[in-house]
Amino acid sequence: MKVSIIVSDDDGNNYHGEVELVRSSEAPHKRAKKAPPPKSAAKPPVNFSTPIRAFVKRHASDLSGSQKFALLIAYLAKGDSGKEVLMADVEKRWNKMKPLLGGKLNRAHSTRAKENGWVDSPKHGVYVVLPSWKGIFDA
């Protein structure tokens, strides 16, 4: 079926055209978008002997800033919840890996990591990783 269309704009100009319409059951269907591949349920094992850049690249790609902060604290402490990590060391390491971590360190990440129970700060400028830090992979 052909349809003729006439449209007028605000200035009084007329536009016209013809179009061939096809019954919807005969119209070609749009291709369905591919569903994104499901995230692998099996996370790679955490290996603190891996070099820091490889460790961050492997584990931080789909994490938020606070999760990345907790991950970096865990790496620097080698998973030991009793080992203190200086904020200056975290900031130095983070800023050397800006492309992997999404830019310069935002200090708000530390606050959010503490709020989520992944790290703690027993004194100013010092952080420890908490046993619940592996929850960053589930959040």
N, C-alpha and C. Protein backbone atom coordinates (compact mmCIF):
# COMPACT_ATOMS: atom_id res chain seq x y z
N MET A 1 0.85 -1.16 0.00
CA MET A 1 0.00 0.00 0.00
C MET A 1 0.90 1.23 0.00
N LYS A 2 0.56 2.19 -0.87
CA LYS A 2 1.30 3.45 -0.92
C LYS A 2 0.54 4.51 -0.14
N VAL A 3 1.30 5.36 0.55
CA VAL A 3 0.71 6.43 1.33
C VAL A 3 1.37 7.73 0.88
N SER A 4 0.57 8.78 0.72
CA SER A 4 1.08 10.09 0.36
C SER A 4 0.99 10.97 1.61
N ILE A 5 2.09 11.65 1.92
CA ILE A 5 2.14 12.47 3.13
C ILE A 5 2.46 13.90 2.72
N ILE A 6 1.71 14.86 3.31
CA ILE A 6 1.98 16.28 3.10
C ILE A 6 2.13 16.90 4.48
N VAL A 7 3.24 17.61 4.68
CA VAL A 7 3.53 18.25 5.96
C VAL A 7 3.82 19.71 5.71
N SER A 8 3.29 20.59 6.58
CA SER A 8 3.56 22.03 6.49
C SER A 8 4.33 22.46 7.72
N ASP A 9 5.35 23.32 7.51
CA ASP A 9 6.09 23.84 8.66
C ASP A 9 5.52 25.17 9.10
N ASP A 10 6.08 25.79 10.11
CA ASP A 10 5.57 27.05 10.67
C ASP A 10 5.66 28.21 9.68
N ASP A 11 6.56 28.12 8.71
CA ASP A 11 6.72 29.20 7.73
C ASP A 11 5.78 29.05 6.54
N GLY A 12 4.95 28.01 6.53
CA GLY A 12 4.02 27.80 5.44
C GLY A 12 4.58 26.96 4.30
N ASN A 13 5.76 26.44 4.44
CA ASN A 13 6.34 25.59 3.41
C ASN A 13 5.71 24.21 3.49
N ASN A 14 5.38 23.64 2.33
CA ASN A 14 4.80 22.31 2.28
C ASN A 14 5.84 21.31 1.81
N TYR A 15 5.81 20.12 2.40
CA TYR A 15 6.69 19.02 2.04
C TYR A 15 5.80 17.82 1.78
N HIS A 16 6.10 17.08 0.74
CA HIS A 16 5.28 15.91 0.46
C HIS A 16 6.17 14.74 0.02
N GLY A 17 5.61 13.55 0.15
CA GLY A 17 6.32 12.36 -0.25
C GLY A 17 5.41 11.16 -0.24
N GLU A 18 5.86 10.11 -0.86
CA GLU A 18 5.11 8.86 -0.89
C GLU A 18 5.96 7.77 -0.27
N VAL A 19 5.27 6.86 0.36
CA VAL A 19 5.97 5.77 1.04
C VAL A 19 5.19 4.48 0.82
N GLU A 20 5.89 3.38 0.68
CA GLU A 20 5.26 2.06 0.55
C GLU A 20 5.18 1.45 1.94
N LEU A 21 4.00 1.12 2.38
CA LEU A 21 3.82 0.49 3.69
C LEU A 21 3.60 -1.00 3.50
N VAL A 22 4.10 -1.77 4.45
CA VAL A 22 3.97 -3.22 4.43
C VAL A 22 3.26 -3.63 5.72
N ARG A 23 2.38 -4.62 5.61
CA ARG A 23 1.66 -5.12 6.78
C ARG A 23 2.70 -5.55 7.82
N SER A 24 2.45 -5.27 9.09
CA SER A 24 3.45 -5.53 10.12
C SER A 24 3.88 -6.98 10.17
N SER A 25 3.03 -7.92 9.87
CA SER A 25 3.44 -9.33 9.89
C SER A 25 4.41 -9.64 8.75
N GLU A 26 4.42 -8.79 7.71
CA GLU A 26 5.31 -8.98 6.58
C GLU A 26 6.58 -8.14 6.69
N ALA A 27 6.56 -7.18 7.60
CA ALA A 27 7.71 -6.27 7.73
C ALA A 27 8.91 -7.03 8.27
N PRO A 28 10.08 -6.68 7.80
CA PRO A 28 11.27 -7.35 8.35
C PRO A 28 11.44 -6.99 9.82
N HIS A 29 11.82 -7.96 10.59
CA HIS A 29 11.99 -7.74 12.02
C HIS A 29 13.39 -7.19 12.29
N LYS A 30 13.46 -6.34 13.30
CA LYS A 30 14.77 -5.85 13.72
C LYS A 30 15.53 -6.98 14.37
N ARG A 31 16.81 -6.99 14.15
CA ARG A 31 17.62 -8.01 14.79
C ARG A 31 17.69 -7.73 16.28
N ALA A 32 17.52 -8.76 17.03
CA ALA A 32 17.61 -8.62 18.48
C ALA A 32 19.05 -8.33 18.87
N LYS A 33 19.22 -7.47 19.84
CA LYS A 33 20.57 -7.17 20.33
C LYS A 33 21.13 -8.40 21.01
N LYS A 34 22.41 -8.57 20.84
CA LYS A 34 23.07 -9.67 21.53
C LYS A 34 23.10 -9.37 23.01
N ALA A 35 22.77 -10.35 23.78
CA ALA A 35 22.85 -10.18 25.23
C ALA A 35 24.32 -10.18 25.62
N PRO A 36 24.70 -9.34 26.58
CA PRO A 36 26.10 -9.35 27.01
C PRO A 36 26.44 -10.72 27.60
N PRO A 37 27.66 -11.15 27.41
CA PRO A 37 28.01 -12.46 27.96
C PRO A 37 27.85 -12.45 29.48
N PRO A 38 27.36 -13.53 30.05
CA PRO A 38 27.18 -13.56 31.50
C PRO A 38 28.53 -13.46 32.20
N LYS A 39 28.51 -12.75 33.31
CA LYS A 39 29.74 -12.63 34.09
C LYS A 39 30.09 -13.99 34.66
N SER A 40 31.34 -14.28 34.59
CA SER A 40 31.80 -15.58 35.09
C SER A 40 31.59 -15.64 36.60
N ALA A 41 30.98 -16.70 37.04
CA ALA A 41 30.74 -16.86 38.47
C ALA A 41 32.05 -17.14 39.20
N ALA A 42 32.98 -17.75 38.50
CA ALA A 42 34.26 -18.09 39.13
C ALA A 42 35.22 -16.91 38.99
N LYS A 43 35.51 -16.28 40.09
CA LYS A 43 36.48 -15.18 40.10
C LYS A 43 37.87 -15.79 40.12
N PRO A 44 38.83 -15.13 39.47
CA PRO A 44 40.19 -15.67 39.54
C PRO A 44 40.67 -15.65 40.99
N PRO A 45 41.43 -16.63 41.39
CA PRO A 45 41.90 -16.66 42.78
C PRO A 45 42.80 -15.46 43.08
N VAL A 46 42.71 -14.99 44.30
CA VAL A 46 43.53 -13.86 44.74
C VAL A 46 44.92 -14.37 45.07
N ASN A 47 45.90 -13.85 44.37
CA ASN A 47 47.28 -14.27 44.55
C ASN A 47 48.13 -13.03 44.82
N PHE A 48 48.51 -12.82 46.07
CA PHE A 48 49.25 -11.63 46.44
C PHE A 48 50.71 -11.64 45.97
N SER A 49 51.19 -12.76 45.43
CA SER A 49 52.55 -12.78 44.92
C SER A 49 52.63 -12.27 43.48
N THR A 50 51.45 -12.03 42.86
CA THR A 50 51.39 -11.46 41.52
C THR A 50 51.91 -10.02 41.58
N PRO A 51 52.62 -9.55 40.56
CA PRO A 51 53.02 -8.13 40.54
C PRO A 51 51.78 -7.23 40.64
N ILE A 52 51.96 -6.08 41.27
CA ILE A 52 50.82 -5.23 41.61
C ILE A 52 49.99 -4.81 40.40
N ARG A 53 50.63 -4.45 39.29
CA ARG A 53 49.87 -4.02 38.11
C ARG A 53 49.03 -5.17 37.55
N ALA A 54 49.60 -6.35 37.48
CA ALA A 54 48.86 -7.51 36.99
C ALA A 54 47.72 -7.86 37.94
N PHE A 55 47.98 -7.76 39.23
CA PHE A 55 46.96 -8.03 40.25
C PHE A 55 45.77 -7.08 40.08
N VAL A 56 46.07 -5.80 39.96
CA VAL A 56 45.02 -4.79 39.81
C VAL A 56 44.28 -4.98 38.49
N LYS A 57 45.01 -5.23 37.43
CA LYS A 57 44.36 -5.43 36.13
C LYS A 57 43.41 -6.62 36.16
N ARG A 58 43.82 -7.69 36.82
CA ARG A 58 43.01 -8.90 36.88
C ARG A 58 41.76 -8.71 37.73
N HIS A 59 41.86 -8.00 38.84
CA HIS A 59 40.77 -7.96 39.81
C HIS A 59 39.95 -6.67 39.83
N ALA A 60 40.49 -5.55 39.36
CA ALA A 60 39.82 -4.26 39.57
C ALA A 60 38.99 -3.77 38.40
N SER A 61 38.98 -4.48 37.29
CA SER A 61 38.36 -3.95 36.08
C SER A 61 36.89 -3.57 36.23
N ASP A 62 36.11 -4.33 36.97
CA ASP A 62 34.68 -4.02 37.10
C ASP A 62 34.28 -3.61 38.51
N LEU A 63 35.23 -3.06 39.26
CA LEU A 63 34.95 -2.63 40.63
C LEU A 63 34.74 -1.13 40.71
N SER A 64 34.04 -0.69 41.74
CA SER A 64 33.87 0.74 42.00
C SER A 64 35.14 1.28 42.66
N GLY A 65 35.19 2.59 42.84
CA GLY A 65 36.36 3.21 43.46
C GLY A 65 36.64 2.73 44.87
N SER A 66 35.60 2.58 45.68
CA SER A 66 35.81 2.12 47.06
C SER A 66 36.24 0.66 47.08
N GLN A 67 35.74 -0.13 46.14
CA GLN A 67 36.16 -1.52 46.05
C GLN A 67 37.63 -1.61 45.61
N LYS A 68 38.01 -0.75 44.67
CA LYS A 68 39.41 -0.71 44.22
C LYS A 68 40.32 -0.29 45.37
N PHE A 69 39.85 0.65 46.17
CA PHE A 69 40.64 1.10 47.32
C PHE A 69 40.87 -0.06 48.28
N ALA A 70 39.81 -0.80 48.59
CA ALA A 70 39.94 -1.95 49.49
C ALA A 70 40.85 -3.01 48.89
N LEU A 71 40.75 -3.22 47.59
CA LEU A 71 41.59 -4.20 46.90
C LEU A 71 43.06 -3.81 47.03
N LEU A 72 43.36 -2.54 46.84
CA LEU A 72 44.75 -2.07 46.93
C LEU A 72 45.28 -2.19 48.37
N ILE A 73 44.46 -1.86 49.35
CA ILE A 73 44.87 -2.03 50.75
C ILE A 73 45.15 -3.51 51.02
N ALA A 74 44.25 -4.38 50.54
CA ALA A 74 44.44 -5.82 50.75
C ALA A 74 45.74 -6.28 50.10
N TYR A 75 46.04 -5.80 48.92
CA TYR A 75 47.27 -6.20 48.24
C TYR A 75 48.50 -5.74 49.02
N LEU A 76 48.49 -4.47 49.44
CA LEU A 76 49.64 -3.92 50.15
C LEU A 76 49.84 -4.60 51.51
N ALA A 77 48.75 -5.06 52.12
CA ALA A 77 48.84 -5.77 53.40
C ALA A 77 48.97 -7.27 53.19
N LYS A 78 48.95 -7.72 51.93
CA LYS A 78 49.01 -9.15 51.58
C LYS A 78 47.90 -9.94 52.26
N GLY A 79 46.74 -9.27 52.46
CA GLY A 79 45.59 -9.92 53.05
C GLY A 79 45.61 -10.02 54.56
N ASP A 80 46.68 -9.53 55.18
CA ASP A 80 46.84 -9.62 56.64
C ASP A 80 46.09 -8.47 57.30
N SER A 81 45.05 -8.80 58.08
CA SER A 81 44.24 -7.75 58.70
C SER A 81 44.96 -7.03 59.84
N GLY A 82 46.10 -7.53 60.27
CA GLY A 82 46.85 -6.85 61.33
C GLY A 82 47.91 -5.89 60.79
N LYS A 83 48.16 -5.93 59.49
CA LYS A 83 49.22 -5.10 58.92
C LYS A 83 48.69 -3.72 58.55
N GLU A 84 49.38 -2.68 59.04
CA GLU A 84 48.98 -1.31 58.77
C GLU A 84 49.59 -0.84 57.44
N VAL A 85 48.78 -0.11 56.68
CA VAL A 85 49.21 0.43 55.39
C VAL A 85 49.04 1.94 55.44
N LEU A 86 50.10 2.67 55.12
CA LEU A 86 50.05 4.13 55.14
C LEU A 86 49.28 4.66 53.93
N MET A 87 48.46 5.69 54.16
CA MET A 87 47.71 6.31 53.07
C MET A 87 48.66 6.86 52.01
N ALA A 88 49.82 7.34 52.42
CA ALA A 88 50.79 7.87 51.46
C ALA A 88 51.24 6.78 50.49
N ASP A 89 51.40 5.55 51.00
CA ASP A 89 51.77 4.43 50.12
C ASP A 89 50.63 4.08 49.17
N VAL A 90 49.41 4.10 49.66
CA VAL A 90 48.25 3.81 48.83
C VAL A 90 48.15 4.84 47.71
N GLU A 91 48.25 6.11 48.08
CA GLU A 91 48.13 7.18 47.09
C GLU A 91 49.24 7.11 46.05
N LYS A 92 50.46 6.81 46.49
CA LYS A 92 51.59 6.69 45.57
C LYS A 92 51.35 5.56 44.58
N ARG A 93 50.95 4.39 45.07
CA ARG A 93 50.71 3.23 44.19
C ARG A 93 49.52 3.48 43.27
N TRP A 94 48.45 4.04 43.83
CA TRP A 94 47.24 4.32 43.04
C TRP A 94 47.57 5.25 41.87
N ASN A 95 48.26 6.34 42.17
CA ASN A 95 48.52 7.34 41.14
C ASN A 95 49.53 6.87 40.09
N LYS A 96 50.24 5.79 40.37
CA LYS A 96 51.10 5.19 39.35
C LYS A 96 50.31 4.27 38.43
N MET A 97 49.08 3.94 38.83
CA MET A 97 48.24 3.03 38.03
C MET A 97 46.91 3.68 37.65
N LYS A 98 46.94 4.99 37.39
CA LYS A 98 45.71 5.71 37.07
C LYS A 98 44.89 5.07 35.94
N PRO A 99 45.52 4.65 34.85
CA PRO A 99 44.71 4.04 33.78
C PRO A 99 43.99 2.77 34.22
N LEU A 100 44.61 1.98 35.07
CA LEU A 100 43.99 0.74 35.54
C LEU A 100 42.92 1.00 36.60
N LEU A 101 43.08 2.08 37.36
CA LEU A 101 42.18 2.35 38.49
C LEU A 101 41.17 3.46 38.21
N GLY A 102 41.19 4.00 37.01
CA GLY A 102 40.17 4.99 36.65
C GLY A 102 40.48 6.41 37.03
N GLY A 103 41.74 6.78 37.10
CA GLY A 103 42.10 8.16 37.40
C GLY A 103 42.77 8.33 38.74
N LYS A 104 42.97 9.58 39.09
CA LYS A 104 43.63 9.94 40.35
C LYS A 104 42.80 9.47 41.54
N LEU A 105 43.48 9.16 42.63
CA LEU A 105 42.79 8.70 43.84
C LEU A 105 41.85 9.77 44.38
N ASN A 106 40.63 9.36 44.62
CA ASN A 106 39.63 10.21 45.26
C ASN A 106 39.56 9.75 46.71
N ARG A 107 39.84 10.63 47.64
CA ARG A 107 39.88 10.26 49.07
C ARG A 107 38.52 9.77 49.58
N ALA A 108 37.45 10.08 48.87
CA ALA A 108 36.13 9.59 49.29
C ALA A 108 36.05 8.07 49.19
N HIS A 109 36.88 7.46 48.34
CA HIS A 109 36.88 6.00 48.23
C HIS A 109 37.21 5.35 49.57
N SER A 110 38.12 5.97 50.32
CA SER A 110 38.50 5.39 51.61
C SER A 110 37.33 5.42 52.59
N THR A 111 36.59 6.51 52.58
CA THR A 111 35.43 6.63 53.47
C THR A 111 34.38 5.59 53.12
N ARG A 112 34.12 5.42 51.83
CA ARG A 112 33.10 4.44 51.41
C ARG A 112 33.56 3.01 51.69
N ALA A 113 34.85 2.76 51.56
CA ALA A 113 35.37 1.43 51.87
C ALA A 113 35.21 1.13 53.36
N LYS A 114 35.42 2.16 54.21
CA LYS A 114 35.22 1.98 55.65
C LYS A 114 33.73 1.76 55.95
N GLU A 115 32.85 2.51 55.28
CA GLU A 115 31.42 2.37 55.50
C GLU A 115 30.92 0.97 55.13
N ASN A 116 31.56 0.36 54.16
CA ASN A 116 31.16 -0.98 53.72
C ASN A 116 31.83 -2.09 54.54
N GLY A 117 32.71 -1.71 55.45
CA GLY A 117 33.34 -2.69 56.33
C GLY A 117 34.47 -3.48 55.69
N TRP A 118 35.09 -2.91 54.65
CA TRP A 118 36.18 -3.60 53.97
C TRP A 118 37.54 -3.21 54.54
N VAL A 119 37.65 -1.97 55.01
CA VAL A 119 38.89 -1.48 55.62
C VAL A 119 38.53 -0.69 56.87
N ASP A 120 39.55 -0.42 57.66
CA ASP A 120 39.37 0.43 58.83
C ASP A 120 40.59 1.33 58.93
N SER A 121 40.44 2.40 59.69
CA SER A 121 41.54 3.33 59.90
C SER A 121 41.74 3.51 61.40
N PRO A 122 42.66 2.73 61.98
CA PRO A 122 42.86 2.81 63.44
C PRO A 122 43.43 4.15 63.89
N LYS A 123 44.16 4.81 62.99
CA LYS A 123 44.66 6.16 63.29
C LYS A 123 44.78 6.93 61.99
N HIS A 124 44.95 8.23 62.11
CA HIS A 124 44.98 9.10 60.94
C HIS A 124 46.08 8.68 59.95
N GLY A 125 45.69 8.51 58.69
CA GLY A 125 46.65 8.20 57.65
C GLY A 125 47.09 6.75 57.59
N VAL A 126 46.42 5.88 58.33
CA VAL A 126 46.78 4.46 58.38
C VAL A 126 45.52 3.63 58.15
N TYR A 127 45.65 2.60 57.32
CA TYR A 127 44.52 1.72 57.04
C TYR A 127 44.90 0.27 57.26
N VAL A 128 43.91 -0.53 57.64
CA VAL A 128 44.07 -1.98 57.73
C VAL A 128 42.92 -2.60 56.96
N VAL A 129 43.18 -3.73 56.35
CA VAL A 129 42.14 -4.45 55.65
C VAL A 129 41.40 -5.31 56.67
N LEU A 130 40.10 -5.38 56.55
CA LEU A 130 39.29 -6.20 57.45
C LEU A 130 39.04 -7.56 56.82
N PRO A 131 38.76 -8.58 57.64
CA PRO A 131 38.53 -9.92 57.08
C PRO A 131 37.41 -9.96 56.04
N SER A 132 36.49 -9.02 56.10
CA SER A 132 35.36 -9.01 55.15
C SER A 132 35.70 -8.34 53.82
N TRP A 133 36.98 -8.04 53.58
CA TRP A 133 37.35 -7.31 52.36
C TRP A 133 37.00 -8.07 51.09
N LYS A 134 36.94 -9.38 51.13
CA LYS A 134 36.62 -10.15 49.92
C LYS A 134 35.18 -9.91 49.45
N GLY A 135 34.40 -9.24 50.30
CA GLY A 135 33.04 -8.86 49.91
C GLY A 135 33.03 -7.87 48.76
N ILE A 136 34.17 -7.28 48.44
CA ILE A 136 34.22 -6.34 47.30
C ILE A 136 33.86 -7.04 46.00
N PHE A 137 34.09 -8.34 45.92
CA PHE A 137 33.80 -9.08 44.70
C PHE A 137 32.34 -9.42 44.56
N ASP A 138 31.58 -9.31 45.66
CA ASP A 138 30.16 -9.64 45.65
C ASP A 138 29.27 -8.42 45.64
N ALA A 139 29.84 -7.26 45.92
CA ALA A 139 29.03 -6.03 46.03
C ALA A 139 28.63 -5.50 44.67
